[in-house]
Amino acid sequence: MGKRLLIFLDILLSIATIMFLFPIRFDRLDLLLFAYAFLLFSILRHSEYFPMALLLSISLVLGRLQTTPLAVAVGIIFSLRNHGVKERLINAARVFWISGFLVVTHGIIFDKAVFAAAVFAFVPAVFETTFLIKSKKSLKIVALVNLAYLVLFTENLLHVVLSDAFLPIVLNPMVFFIYLLVQDYESIWQRYLLEKERTDLIRKKLAMVIDVVNTISQKATVEESLYKLAEAISVIGGFKYVLINVFDRSSGKILRLAHHGLNPEEFDRLKKFPPPIENFYRFAQERFKLSNSYFVPQGTVEFPVEYTLTLLNKNKVNHSNAQNWLPEDLLLVPIYNPEGEIVGYISVDAPFNGKRPSVEDVQILELLAEQVYKLLERSQSYQPLVFRASRDPHTFLLTHSAFLGLLEQHIKFGREFANVIIDIDDLSKINLKYGHEIGDKVIEKVADVLRTRTRKSDYVARFGGEEFAILIKDVSKSKAIEITHRILDEIRQIQLPEGIRITASAGIAVYPEHGNDYEKLIKEALKALQVAKKSGKDRLMVF
C-alpha cells in the first residue's frame, strides 16, 4: 500500500512540476509524444516496470520536452544493441525524462548550464543501461541521478523559492528517490524469503535421507531394499521415474536393478536389452557435469536407441523457459565406490515441479546414490560388480586391478592424462645383500614419496613387486615429464641405514597420444620403462 501511495504521489508531483515549468499547449508534437508514451505504457503494462512506465508516460504526455532530449533518447535506443525492445524503451524514456527536465529548468537550449545538464543526464544513463533496472546497482544509480539533478536545480530554486513551484520541484525527486529505496528493500526481502524457502526444503530433504538410511531393513533382501530406495529417490528427489543401474564389466553391459514409476513391461524391456557401458560415458562428459553428476540438456547428444527410456513425458512443457525440464533432458547420478570408480548410476526423469535440477537437488540425489552402493556392497550377487580388493595391504596404495579399472574409466571420459610406471632400480640386489626386511622398507619409503608428491586428484598404485603406477590427470606430456622428474629426485633423497642409495626408473605414456585403450597405454609405458632401464637406470623415458 505504501509503495502504491509513493508512486501516485510522485506522479502528481511530476504533473505539477512540468505544468509549472512549461505551460500546456497541445499541438502535433504533443500528439507524437502522447503516441510514444502510450506505446511505452502498453508494452510495459504487464511487466515489473509498470510503475516506472506510468510515471514516465504521464511526464511525456504533459511535458513538451523539445528536441534535444528526444535525440538523446533515440541515441540510447540505438546504442543498446544487445538488449530487447522493452529494455531499450524504458532506458531511453528515462534519459528522455531526466534530460528534458534539465533542459526545461535551465531555459535556453544552448546555454552552458543546459550543455552540462545534457552531459550529466547522458553519462549516468549509460551506466544505468549497462546494469538495467533489474539490478541493485541500477536502482542506486537511479537514486543518485535524482539526487544529483536536484542539486543542479539550486540556481533555479533561488529564484523560485518564494513561489508556488518550490514544493513540487523539490519533492518530486525526493519522493521518487524514496520509492526506489522501498522497491530496493522489497526486492531484497523477496530474495530473502525465496532463499529461506529453498534452505528449509533442503533441510527437509536431508532429514528424509537420514530417515531412509535408518529405515532400510537389514532383514529385507537387497532387491527389496533397492526398490524401496528407488521409491525414496522419487519422493525425496521429486522425479516421477527412477532407474537404478550397475555396470557388469565382464560382459560390458549395463544391468537394470530396480525402478520406480515404470510399468512392468517397460522395465522388462530395459532388462532384456542391456546397453553397453560405453553408452554411459557418451553422456559423462565434463561439459555436462553438475556437482559429481551429469545433466545432459535435450539436443546436445544423440541418444542410442537401446539406451533411451520410453518415458515420454506427456505433460505440456514451456520450451521458452530455460529452467524447464524438456522431454529429452537427462540426469545421471553416478554410483561411486570408495576409490572414486563409477560402478553404476541412477537415472531420473519427469520432475514433479517441471524444472531442471539445481546443484543442491543433485547433491541430495548423490547422498542417496551412496546408499545404493552400500546395499550393493553387502549383496553376494552384486558385490563382485562393485567391490574390488582395492588396497595393497603393504603400502596401502591402489592394487593393480583397481588401477586398471580407473585407467579404463578415465579413457572413457576422453580427457588428457598421463600413465607413469616407476620401477625401483636393483631392488633384488638390495634384498640379497641386506635382506627382505630392508627391501620392504625401501618399498614403503618409495610408496610414501609417491603418496605425498602427487595431487589428491591423481591415483597411485602398487603395480607389481617393485613397480608403481601413477595416473596424473589433466596434464600434457611436458607437464607429466616435469612431475615425474621431481618424483625421481625425491626418491634419490630417501635416507636408509648403511648409506643405501635408492634410485628408480620411469616410463610415461600419455592419453590419447600413445593409445586409446588402457592396454595400449600400459604397454607403451612399460616399453618406455624398459628403454630407461637399458639406458643406465635412474632416469625416465617417453616416446
Protein backbone atom coordinates (compact mmCIF):
# COMPACT_ATOMS: atom_id res chain seq x y z
CA MET A 1 0.00 0.00 0.00
CA GLY A 2 2.80 2.41 0.91
CA LYS A 3 4.58 1.66 -2.35
CA ARG A 4 1.47 2.49 -4.40
CA LEU A 5 0.97 5.71 -2.47
CA LEU A 6 4.55 6.75 -3.25
CA ILE A 7 4.01 6.04 -6.95
CA PHE A 8 0.77 8.05 -7.01
CA LEU A 9 2.38 10.94 -5.12
CA ASP A 10 5.35 11.01 -7.47
CA ILE A 11 3.01 11.05 -10.48
CA LEU A 12 1.10 14.03 -9.06
CA LEU A 13 4.34 15.88 -8.33
CA SER A 14 5.59 15.16 -11.86
CA ILE A 15 2.41 16.66 -13.29
CA ALA A 16 2.64 19.71 -11.04
CA THR A 17 6.32 20.26 -11.77
CA ILE A 18 6.04 20.05 -15.55
CA MET A 19 2.83 22.11 -15.64
CA PHE A 20 4.59 24.90 -13.76
CA LEU A 21 7.80 24.76 -15.77
CA PHE A 22 6.14 24.51 -19.16
CA PRO A 23 2.55 25.61 -19.88
CA ILE A 24 0.40 23.00 -21.61
CA ARG A 25 -0.11 23.72 -25.32
CA PHE A 26 -1.27 20.74 -27.37
CA ASP A 27 -0.15 20.52 -30.97
CA ARG A 28 1.19 17.83 -33.34
CA LEU A 29 4.36 17.37 -31.29
CA ASP A 30 2.28 16.77 -28.20
CA LEU A 31 0.27 14.16 -30.08
CA LEU A 32 3.51 12.48 -31.17
CA LEU A 33 4.74 12.42 -27.59
CA PHE A 34 1.37 11.07 -26.48
CA ALA A 35 1.60 8.22 -29.02
CA TYR A 36 5.16 7.43 -27.91
CA ALA A 37 4.14 7.44 -24.25
CA PHE A 38 1.10 5.26 -24.95
CA LEU A 39 3.29 2.74 -26.79
CA LEU A 40 5.73 2.65 -23.87
CA PHE A 41 2.90 2.23 -21.39
CA SER A 42 1.26 -0.55 -23.47
CA ILE A 43 4.45 -2.58 -23.81
CA LEU A 44 5.24 -2.46 -20.10
CA ARG A 45 1.76 -2.62 -18.59
CA HIS A 46 2.15 -6.28 -17.54
CA SER A 47 5.81 -6.08 -16.51
CA GLU A 48 7.66 -5.27 -13.31
CA TYR A 49 8.44 -1.86 -14.85
CA PHE A 50 4.76 -0.79 -14.83
CA PRO A 51 5.13 1.93 -12.13
CA MET A 52 8.12 3.41 -13.96
CA ALA A 53 6.25 3.25 -17.28
CA LEU A 54 3.24 5.04 -15.80
CA LEU A 55 5.42 7.76 -14.30
CA LEU A 56 7.36 8.36 -17.50
CA SER A 57 4.28 8.19 -19.71
CA ILE A 58 2.49 10.94 -17.80
CA SER A 59 5.63 13.06 -17.77
CA LEU A 60 5.99 12.66 -21.53
CA VAL A 61 2.34 13.45 -22.24
CA LEU A 62 2.27 16.60 -20.14
CA GLY A 63 5.76 17.87 -20.87
CA ARG A 64 6.76 19.16 -24.29
CA LEU A 65 10.43 18.47 -23.79
CA GLN A 66 11.84 19.91 -27.08
CA THR A 67 14.11 18.03 -29.47
CA THR A 68 17.37 17.58 -27.55
CA PRO A 69 16.01 15.09 -25.00
CA LEU A 70 14.28 13.18 -27.79
CA ALA A 71 17.54 12.97 -29.73
CA VAL A 72 19.34 11.70 -26.64
CA ALA A 73 16.62 9.09 -26.07
CA VAL A 74 16.77 7.88 -29.67
CA GLY A 75 20.55 7.62 -29.36
CA ILE A 76 20.15 5.44 -26.27
CA ILE A 77 17.69 3.18 -28.12
CA PHE A 78 20.14 2.53 -30.94
CA SER A 79 23.12 2.12 -28.61
CA LEU A 80 21.51 -0.80 -26.73
CA ARG A 81 22.06 -3.37 -29.45
CA ASN A 82 22.35 -6.31 -27.08
CA HIS A 83 19.06 -5.62 -25.30
CA GLY A 84 15.43 -6.21 -26.19
CA VAL A 85 12.82 -3.65 -27.14
CA LYS A 86 11.48 -3.32 -23.61
CA GLU A 87 14.88 -2.53 -22.11
CA ARG A 88 15.68 -0.07 -24.89
CA LEU A 89 12.42 1.84 -24.50
CA ILE A 90 12.44 2.03 -20.73
CA ASN A 91 16.02 3.29 -20.55
CA ALA A 92 15.53 5.71 -23.44
CA ALA A 93 12.39 7.07 -21.79
CA ARG A 94 14.25 7.56 -18.53
CA VAL A 95 17.01 9.52 -20.28
CA PHE A 96 14.35 11.47 -22.18
CA TRP A 97 12.63 12.43 -18.95
CA ILE A 98 15.76 13.36 -16.98
CA SER A 99 17.49 15.32 -19.74
CA GLY A 100 14.23 17.01 -20.78
CA PHE A 101 13.55 18.05 -17.21
CA LEU A 102 17.00 19.61 -17.01
CA VAL A 103 16.60 21.43 -20.33
CA VAL A 104 13.27 22.90 -19.27
CA THR A 105 14.51 24.03 -15.86
CA HIS A 106 17.58 25.71 -17.35
CA GLY A 107 15.72 27.58 -20.07
CA ILE A 108 17.72 28.35 -23.23
CA ILE A 109 18.83 25.22 -25.02
CA PHE A 110 22.32 26.44 -25.97
CA ASP A 111 23.13 27.77 -22.51
CA LYS A 112 26.28 26.33 -20.84
CA ALA A 113 24.20 25.05 -17.99
CA VAL A 114 21.99 23.18 -20.45
CA PHE A 115 25.04 21.62 -22.09
CA ALA A 116 26.29 20.48 -18.68
CA ALA A 117 22.85 19.14 -17.86
CA ALA A 118 22.68 17.16 -21.10
CA VAL A 119 26.08 15.59 -20.42
CA PHE A 120 25.10 14.94 -16.84
CA ALA A 121 21.88 13.22 -17.91
CA PHE A 122 23.55 11.11 -20.59
CA VAL A 123 26.53 9.73 -18.63
CA PRO A 124 24.60 8.15 -15.73
CA ALA A 125 22.06 6.86 -18.23
CA VAL A 126 24.83 4.94 -19.98
CA PHE A 127 25.85 3.38 -16.66
CA GLU A 128 22.23 2.64 -15.92
CA THR A 129 21.61 0.90 -19.22
CA THR A 130 24.65 -1.25 -18.54
CA PHE A 131 23.04 -2.70 -15.42
CA LEU A 132 19.36 -2.18 -16.34
CA ILE A 133 16.71 -1.62 -13.73
CA LYS A 134 16.78 -5.28 -12.62
CA SER A 135 19.94 -4.91 -10.53
CA LYS A 136 20.56 -3.28 -7.17
CA LYS A 137 23.38 -1.25 -8.71
CA SER A 138 21.00 0.25 -11.23
CA LEU A 139 18.50 1.21 -8.55
CA LYS A 140 21.20 3.02 -6.61
CA ILE A 141 22.43 4.80 -9.74
CA VAL A 142 18.89 5.99 -10.49
CA ALA A 143 18.63 7.30 -6.94
CA LEU A 144 21.94 9.15 -7.30
CA VAL A 145 20.79 10.65 -10.60
CA ASN A 146 17.70 12.04 -8.92
CA LEU A 147 19.70 13.50 -6.05
CA ALA A 148 22.26 14.98 -8.42
CA TYR A 149 19.80 16.75 -10.68
CA LEU A 150 18.13 18.10 -7.53
CA VAL A 151 21.47 19.77 -6.76
CA LEU A 152 21.60 21.23 -10.28
CA PHE A 153 18.27 22.92 -9.63
CA THR A 154 19.78 25.00 -6.84
CA GLU A 155 20.34 28.04 -9.06
CA ASN A 156 16.75 27.98 -10.28
CA LEU A 157 15.37 27.31 -6.84
CA LEU A 158 16.95 30.52 -5.57
CA HIS A 159 14.69 32.40 -7.98
CA VAL A 160 11.52 30.47 -7.25
CA VAL A 161 11.99 29.70 -3.57
CA LEU A 162 9.13 32.02 -2.66
CA SER A 163 6.91 30.85 -5.49
CA ASP A 164 4.34 28.09 -5.62
CA ALA A 165 6.74 25.90 -7.63
CA PHE A 166 9.13 25.27 -4.75
CA LEU A 167 7.38 22.26 -3.23
CA PRO A 168 6.71 20.27 -6.43
CA ILE A 169 10.23 20.87 -7.75
CA VAL A 170 11.90 19.73 -4.53
CA LEU A 171 9.52 16.96 -3.52
CA ASN A 172 9.30 15.25 -6.91
CA PRO A 173 12.85 13.79 -6.95
CA MET A 174 12.74 13.17 -3.21
CA VAL A 175 9.57 11.08 -3.41
CA PHE A 176 10.93 9.24 -6.43
CA PHE A 177 14.13 8.51 -4.50
CA ILE A 178 12.11 7.13 -1.57
CA TYR A 179 10.08 4.98 -3.96
CA LEU A 180 13.28 3.47 -5.37
CA LEU A 181 14.55 2.70 -1.88
CA VAL A 182 11.28 0.97 -1.00
CA GLN A 183 11.46 -1.01 -4.24
CA ASP A 184 15.06 -1.99 -3.46
CA TYR A 185 14.24 -3.23 0.05
CA GLU A 186 11.17 -5.12 -1.17
CA SER A 187 13.36 -6.88 -3.72
CA ILE A 188 15.89 -7.80 -1.03
CA TRP A 189 13.11 -9.12 1.22
CA GLN A 190 11.67 -11.26 -1.58
CA ARG A 191 15.11 -12.74 -2.27
CA TYR A 192 15.49 -13.49 1.44
CA LEU A 193 12.13 -15.29 1.55
CA LEU A 194 12.99 -17.36 -1.54
CA GLU A 195 16.39 -18.30 -0.09
CA LYS A 196 14.80 -19.25 3.23
CA GLU A 197 12.23 -21.41 1.46
CA ARG A 198 14.98 -23.14 -0.54
CA THR A 199 17.09 -23.74 2.60
CA ASP A 200 14.11 -25.15 4.51
CA LEU A 201 13.36 -27.53 1.62
CA ILE A 202 16.98 -28.77 1.55
CA ARG A 203 16.90 -29.40 5.30
CA LYS A 204 13.65 -31.31 4.94
CA LYS A 205 15.12 -33.47 2.17
CA LEU A 206 18.27 -34.16 4.21
CA ALA A 207 16.10 -35.27 7.12
CA MET A 208 14.24 -37.60 4.75
CA VAL A 209 17.56 -39.04 3.52
CA ILE A 210 18.59 -39.79 7.11
CA ASP A 211 15.22 -41.40 7.71
CA VAL A 212 15.67 -43.60 4.62
CA VAL A 213 19.10 -44.72 5.84
CA ASN A 214 17.66 -45.65 9.23
CA THR A 215 14.55 -47.44 7.96
CA ILE A 216 16.01 -49.68 5.24
CA SER A 217 15.73 -53.05 6.92
CA GLN A 218 18.79 -55.21 7.29
CA LYS A 219 16.44 -58.22 7.13
CA ALA A 220 14.95 -57.35 3.74
CA THR A 221 16.58 -58.71 0.60
CA VAL A 222 18.85 -56.41 -1.37
CA GLU A 223 16.32 -56.41 -4.24
CA GLU A 224 13.51 -55.32 -1.91
CA SER A 225 15.72 -52.63 -0.38
CA LEU A 226 16.72 -51.34 -3.83
CA TYR A 227 13.07 -50.93 -4.81
CA LYS A 228 12.35 -49.10 -1.55
CA LEU A 229 15.34 -46.88 -2.19
CA ALA A 230 14.14 -46.16 -5.75
CA GLU A 231 10.80 -45.08 -4.31
CA ALA A 232 12.58 -42.87 -1.76
CA ILE A 233 14.64 -41.28 -4.54
CA SER A 234 11.41 -40.47 -6.36
CA VAL A 235 9.81 -38.88 -3.29
CA ILE A 236 12.86 -37.01 -1.99
CA GLY A 237 14.35 -36.08 -5.36
CA GLY A 238 11.00 -35.16 -6.85
CA PHE A 239 11.11 -37.31 -10.01
CA LYS A 240 8.34 -39.50 -11.40
CA TYR A 241 10.70 -42.08 -12.91
CA VAL A 242 13.78 -43.60 -11.25
CA LEU A 243 16.04 -46.35 -12.63
CA ILE A 244 18.97 -47.91 -10.70
CA ASN A 245 21.72 -49.42 -12.86
CA VAL A 246 25.03 -51.22 -12.27
CA PHE A 247 27.95 -51.98 -14.59
CA ASP A 248 28.83 -55.59 -15.40
CA ARG A 249 32.39 -55.16 -16.66
CA SER A 250 32.78 -58.84 -17.50
CA SER A 251 30.06 -58.54 -20.17
CA GLY A 252 30.50 -54.82 -20.81
CA LYS A 253 26.77 -54.25 -20.23
CA ILE A 254 24.60 -52.01 -18.04
CA LEU A 255 22.34 -54.10 -15.79
CA ARG A 256 18.97 -52.70 -14.67
CA LEU A 257 18.43 -53.49 -10.98
CA ALA A 258 15.39 -51.60 -9.71
CA HIS A 259 13.00 -48.82 -10.68
CA HIS A 260 10.12 -46.64 -9.58
CA GLY A 261 7.35 -45.30 -11.81
CA LEU A 262 7.86 -47.58 -14.82
CA ASN A 263 5.27 -50.08 -15.88
CA PRO A 264 6.44 -53.73 -15.60
CA GLU A 265 6.53 -54.24 -19.38
CA GLU A 266 8.84 -51.27 -19.89
CA PHE A 267 11.21 -52.38 -17.12
CA ASP A 268 11.29 -55.93 -18.54
CA ARG A 269 12.22 -54.49 -21.95
CA LEU A 270 15.07 -52.50 -20.42
CA LYS A 271 16.37 -55.57 -18.59
CA LYS A 272 16.09 -57.75 -21.68
CA PHE A 273 18.18 -55.43 -23.87
CA PRO A 274 21.02 -54.09 -21.68
CA PRO A 275 23.04 -51.36 -23.43
CA PRO A 276 26.86 -51.31 -23.47
CA ILE A 277 28.69 -49.47 -20.70
CA GLU A 278 30.20 -47.17 -23.36
CA ASN A 279 26.78 -45.53 -23.72
CA PHE A 280 27.04 -44.10 -20.22
CA TYR A 281 30.36 -42.46 -20.99
CA ARG A 282 28.87 -40.73 -24.03
CA PHE A 283 26.96 -38.61 -21.53
CA ALA A 284 29.55 -38.48 -18.73
CA GLN A 285 31.38 -35.52 -20.24
CA GLU A 286 32.96 -32.66 -18.32
CA ARG A 287 30.74 -30.08 -20.05
CA PHE A 288 27.66 -31.79 -18.59
CA LYS A 289 28.99 -32.10 -15.04
CA LEU A 290 26.70 -30.82 -12.28
CA SER A 291 28.22 -31.43 -8.84
CA ASN A 292 29.53 -35.00 -9.28
CA SER A 293 26.71 -35.99 -11.63
CA TYR A 294 25.84 -35.30 -15.25
CA PHE A 295 22.93 -33.26 -16.59
CA VAL A 296 22.59 -33.57 -20.38
CA PRO A 297 20.23 -30.97 -21.91
CA GLN A 298 17.94 -32.01 -24.72
CA GLY A 299 19.55 -31.94 -28.15
CA THR A 300 23.20 -31.88 -27.03
CA VAL A 301 23.88 -35.62 -27.51
CA GLU A 302 22.10 -38.10 -29.74
CA PHE A 303 20.53 -40.89 -27.70
CA PRO A 304 21.30 -44.50 -28.69
CA VAL A 305 18.04 -46.34 -29.40
CA GLU A 306 18.77 -49.16 -26.97
CA TYR A 307 19.58 -46.67 -24.20
CA THR A 308 16.55 -44.44 -24.45
CA LEU A 309 13.82 -44.88 -21.88
CA THR A 310 10.37 -44.78 -23.44
CA LEU A 311 9.21 -42.46 -20.68
CA LEU A 312 7.68 -39.85 -22.92
CA ASN A 313 6.60 -37.05 -20.65
CA LYS A 314 3.17 -36.13 -21.92
CA ASN A 315 2.88 -33.01 -19.79
CA LYS A 316 2.93 -29.75 -21.67
CA VAL A 317 6.29 -28.01 -21.38
CA ASN A 318 7.04 -24.32 -21.77
CA HIS A 319 10.10 -24.54 -24.00
CA SER A 320 10.68 -20.78 -23.81
CA ASN A 321 11.89 -21.05 -20.20
CA ALA A 322 15.45 -22.36 -19.94
CA GLN A 323 14.73 -23.60 -16.40
CA ASN A 324 12.01 -26.01 -17.52
CA TRP A 325 12.72 -29.73 -17.88
CA LEU A 326 12.43 -30.85 -21.50
CA PRO A 327 11.24 -34.32 -22.60
CA GLU A 328 14.74 -35.48 -23.63
CA ASP A 329 16.71 -33.93 -20.77
CA LEU A 330 18.83 -36.50 -18.95
CA LEU A 331 20.17 -36.58 -15.39
CA LEU A 332 22.62 -39.34 -14.46
CA VAL A 333 23.80 -39.69 -10.86
CA PRO A 334 26.90 -41.94 -10.71
CA ILE A 335 27.30 -44.60 -8.04
CA TYR A 336 30.94 -44.43 -6.87
CA ASN A 337 32.92 -46.97 -4.90
CA PRO A 338 35.30 -45.70 -2.18
CA GLU A 339 38.14 -45.41 -4.70
CA GLY A 340 36.18 -43.00 -6.89
CA GLU A 341 35.42 -45.57 -9.59
CA ILE A 342 31.97 -45.39 -11.18
CA VAL A 343 30.28 -48.77 -10.72
CA GLY A 344 26.75 -47.81 -11.78
CA TYR A 345 24.35 -44.89 -11.87
CA ILE A 346 20.83 -43.68 -11.13
CA SER A 347 18.85 -42.13 -13.97
CA VAL A 348 15.79 -39.97 -13.25
CA ASP A 349 13.16 -38.34 -15.44
CA ALA A 350 9.99 -36.20 -15.34
CA PRO A 351 10.46 -33.93 -12.28
CA PHE A 352 7.19 -33.22 -10.48
CA ASN A 353 7.85 -29.46 -10.47
CA GLY A 354 8.72 -29.43 -14.18
CA LYS A 355 12.07 -27.73 -13.50
CA ARG A 356 15.65 -28.65 -14.27
CA PRO A 357 17.66 -29.59 -11.16
CA SER A 358 19.80 -27.24 -9.10
CA VAL A 359 23.18 -28.22 -7.66
CA GLU A 360 21.52 -28.74 -4.28
CA ASP A 361 18.92 -31.07 -5.82
CA VAL A 362 21.67 -33.17 -7.39
CA GLN A 363 23.69 -33.33 -4.17
CA ILE A 364 20.67 -34.80 -2.37
CA LEU A 365 20.45 -37.49 -5.06
CA GLU A 366 24.18 -38.17 -4.67
CA LEU A 367 23.67 -38.90 -0.97
CA LEU A 368 21.05 -41.46 -1.95
CA ALA A 369 23.42 -42.94 -4.55
CA GLU A 370 25.86 -43.64 -1.69
CA GLN A 371 23.16 -45.71 -0.01
CA VAL A 372 22.67 -47.68 -3.23
CA TYR A 373 26.39 -48.56 -3.21
CA LYS A 374 26.21 -49.73 0.40
CA LEU A 375 23.32 -52.03 -0.47
CA LEU A 376 25.16 -53.48 -3.48
CA GLU A 377 28.36 -53.92 -1.48
CA ARG A 378 26.68 -56.20 1.06
CA SER A 379 24.96 -58.30 -1.61
CA GLN A 380 26.55 -61.61 -2.57
CA SER A 381 25.11 -61.24 -6.06
CA TYR A 382 26.27 -57.70 -6.78
CA GLN A 383 29.36 -57.36 -4.57
CA PRO A 384 31.71 -58.69 -7.28
CA LEU A 385 30.42 -55.98 -9.65
CA VAL A 386 31.05 -53.03 -7.33
CA PHE A 387 33.76 -54.11 -4.91
CA ARG A 388 37.41 -54.74 -5.62
CA ALA A 389 40.25 -55.62 -3.23
CA SER A 390 41.37 -52.11 -4.00
CA ARG A 391 44.22 -51.50 -1.50
CA ASP A 392 47.60 -53.15 -1.27
CA PRO A 393 47.97 -54.30 2.37
CA HIS A 394 51.69 -53.45 2.47
CA THR A 395 51.72 -49.90 1.03
CA PHE A 396 48.00 -49.02 1.25
CA LEU A 397 48.19 -47.87 -2.37
CA LEU A 398 45.69 -48.99 -5.02
CA THR A 399 46.03 -52.53 -6.30
CA HIS A 400 46.89 -53.45 -9.88
CA SER A 401 43.27 -54.32 -10.78
CA ALA A 402 41.80 -51.22 -9.13
CA PHE A 403 44.25 -49.03 -11.04
CA LEU A 404 43.33 -50.65 -14.36
CA GLY A 405 39.65 -50.00 -13.66
CA LEU A 406 40.32 -46.31 -13.03
CA LEU A 407 42.53 -46.13 -16.11
CA GLU A 408 39.74 -47.58 -18.25
CA GLN A 409 37.22 -45.19 -16.72
CA HIS A 410 39.30 -42.08 -17.40
CA ILE A 411 39.87 -43.11 -21.00
CA LYS A 412 36.10 -43.09 -21.45
CA PHE A 413 35.94 -39.57 -20.02
CA GLY A 414 38.06 -38.51 -23.00
CA ARG A 415 40.29 -36.05 -21.12
CA GLU A 416 44.08 -35.91 -21.41
CA PHE A 417 46.12 -37.68 -18.72
CA ALA A 418 49.48 -39.41 -18.20
CA ASN A 419 50.14 -43.01 -17.18
CA VAL A 420 53.51 -43.30 -15.41
CA ILE A 421 55.08 -46.63 -14.38
CA ILE A 422 58.00 -46.43 -11.94
CA ASP A 423 60.34 -49.32 -11.10
CA ILE A 424 62.80 -49.33 -8.18
CA ASP A 425 66.30 -49.94 -9.56
CA ASP A 426 68.16 -53.08 -8.34
CA LEU A 427 65.73 -53.94 -5.55
CA SER A 428 66.58 -57.64 -5.92
CA LYS A 429 70.26 -56.84 -5.19
CA ILE A 430 69.25 -54.90 -2.08
CA ASN A 431 67.19 -57.90 -0.92
CA LEU A 432 70.15 -60.26 -1.44
CA LYS A 433 72.68 -58.00 0.25
CA TYR A 434 70.66 -56.51 3.12
CA GLY A 435 67.68 -58.84 3.45
CA HIS A 436 64.00 -58.61 2.60
CA GLU A 437 63.24 -56.52 5.68
CA ILE A 438 65.32 -53.66 4.23
CA GLY A 439 63.79 -54.33 0.80
CA ASP A 440 60.29 -53.95 2.27
CA LYS A 441 61.41 -50.71 3.93
CA VAL A 442 62.56 -49.41 0.53
CA ILE A 443 59.15 -50.19 -0.97
CA GLU A 444 57.39 -48.40 1.91
CA LYS A 445 59.63 -45.32 1.55
CA VAL A 446 59.04 -45.09 -2.20
CA ALA A 447 55.28 -45.51 -1.64
CA ASP A 448 55.40 -42.62 0.85
CA VAL A 449 57.12 -40.40 -1.72
CA LEU A 450 54.54 -41.22 -4.39
CA ARG A 451 51.67 -40.64 -1.97
CA THR A 452 52.92 -37.26 -0.76
CA ARG A 453 54.27 -35.92 -4.07
CA THR A 454 51.13 -36.41 -6.13
CA ARG A 455 47.88 -34.46 -6.06
CA LYS A 456 44.78 -35.70 -4.27
CA SER A 457 43.04 -35.91 -7.65
CA ASP A 458 45.70 -38.31 -9.03
CA TYR A 459 45.84 -42.08 -8.45
CA VAL A 460 48.85 -44.10 -7.23
CA ALA A 461 49.03 -47.91 -7.26
CA ARG A 462 51.42 -50.68 -6.43
CA PHE A 463 51.53 -52.21 -9.88
CA GLY A 464 53.81 -55.17 -9.15
CA GLY A 465 56.54 -56.28 -6.75
CA GLU A 466 58.76 -53.21 -7.12
CA GLU A 467 56.65 -51.41 -9.74
CA PHE A 468 54.33 -48.49 -9.11
CA ALA A 469 51.85 -46.76 -11.40
CA ILE A 470 50.53 -43.19 -11.35
CA LEU A 471 47.54 -41.73 -13.21
CA ILE A 472 48.19 -37.98 -13.45
CA LYS A 473 45.00 -36.22 -14.54
CA ASP A 474 44.69 -33.27 -16.95
CA VAL A 475 48.38 -32.92 -17.91
CA SER A 476 50.31 -32.65 -21.15
CA LYS A 477 53.36 -34.76 -21.98
CA SER A 478 55.76 -31.98 -20.95
CA LYS A 479 54.00 -31.45 -17.62
CA ALA A 480 53.99 -35.21 -16.94
CA ILE A 481 57.76 -35.31 -17.58
CA GLU A 482 58.30 -32.40 -15.18
CA ILE A 483 56.25 -34.07 -12.42
CA THR A 484 57.99 -37.44 -12.89
CA HIS A 485 61.45 -35.81 -12.74
CA ARG A 486 60.52 -34.30 -9.36
CA ILE A 487 59.32 -37.67 -8.07
CA LEU A 488 62.52 -39.46 -9.16
CA ASP A 489 64.56 -36.73 -7.49
CA GLU A 490 62.61 -37.22 -4.23
CA ILE A 491 63.29 -40.97 -4.40
CA ARG A 492 67.04 -40.22 -4.65
CA GLN A 493 66.77 -38.30 -1.36
CA ILE A 494 65.41 -41.28 0.61
CA GLN A 495 67.54 -41.96 3.71
CA LEU A 496 68.21 -45.61 4.62
CA PRO A 497 70.59 -47.38 7.07
CA GLU A 498 74.13 -48.21 6.00
CA GLY A 499 74.09 -45.50 3.33
CA ILE A 500 71.96 -47.45 0.89
CA ARG A 501 71.26 -45.32 -2.20
CA ILE A 502 67.87 -45.68 -3.87
CA THR A 503 67.06 -44.76 -7.46
CA ALA A 504 64.17 -45.54 -9.77
CA SER A 505 63.39 -45.54 -13.49
CA ALA A 506 60.15 -44.45 -15.14
CA GLY A 507 58.24 -44.87 -18.39
CA ILE A 508 55.49 -42.47 -19.46
CA ALA A 509 52.54 -42.88 -21.82
CA VAL A 510 50.07 -40.05 -22.46
CA TYR A 511 46.42 -40.40 -23.43
CA PRO A 512 45.40 -40.07 -26.23
CA GLU A 513 48.82 -39.64 -27.91
CA HIS A 514 50.11 -43.12 -27.06
CA GLY A 515 46.85 -45.07 -27.20
CA ASN A 516 43.08 -45.05 -26.88
CA ASP A 517 42.69 -48.06 -24.59
CA TYR A 518 44.24 -48.90 -21.24
CA GLU A 519 46.11 -51.97 -22.53
CA LYS A 520 47.91 -49.88 -25.15
CA LEU A 521 48.81 -47.21 -22.59
CA ILE A 522 50.23 -49.80 -20.18
CA LYS A 523 52.20 -51.43 -23.00
CA GLU A 524 53.69 -48.10 -24.14
CA ALA A 525 54.62 -47.06 -20.59
CA LEU A 526 56.31 -50.42 -19.93
CA LYS A 527 58.19 -50.19 -23.23
CA ALA A 528 59.47 -46.73 -22.27
CA LEU A 529 60.41 -48.07 -18.82
CA GLN A 530 62.48 -50.88 -20.35
CA VAL A 531 64.37 -48.37 -22.52
CA ALA A 532 65.09 -46.29 -19.40
CA LYS A 533 66.42 -49.40 -17.62
CA LYS A 534 68.64 -50.41 -20.51
CA SER A 535 69.94 -46.84 -20.86
CA GLY A 536 71.54 -46.85 -17.42
CA LYS A 537 68.59 -46.67 -14.99
CA ASP A 538 67.82 -43.70 -12.70
CA ARG A 539 66.02 -41.87 -15.49
CA LEU A 540 62.70 -41.57 -17.29
CA MET A 541 61.76 -42.27 -20.88
CA VAL A 542 58.80 -41.29 -23.05
CA PHE A 543 58.31 -41.82 -26.78
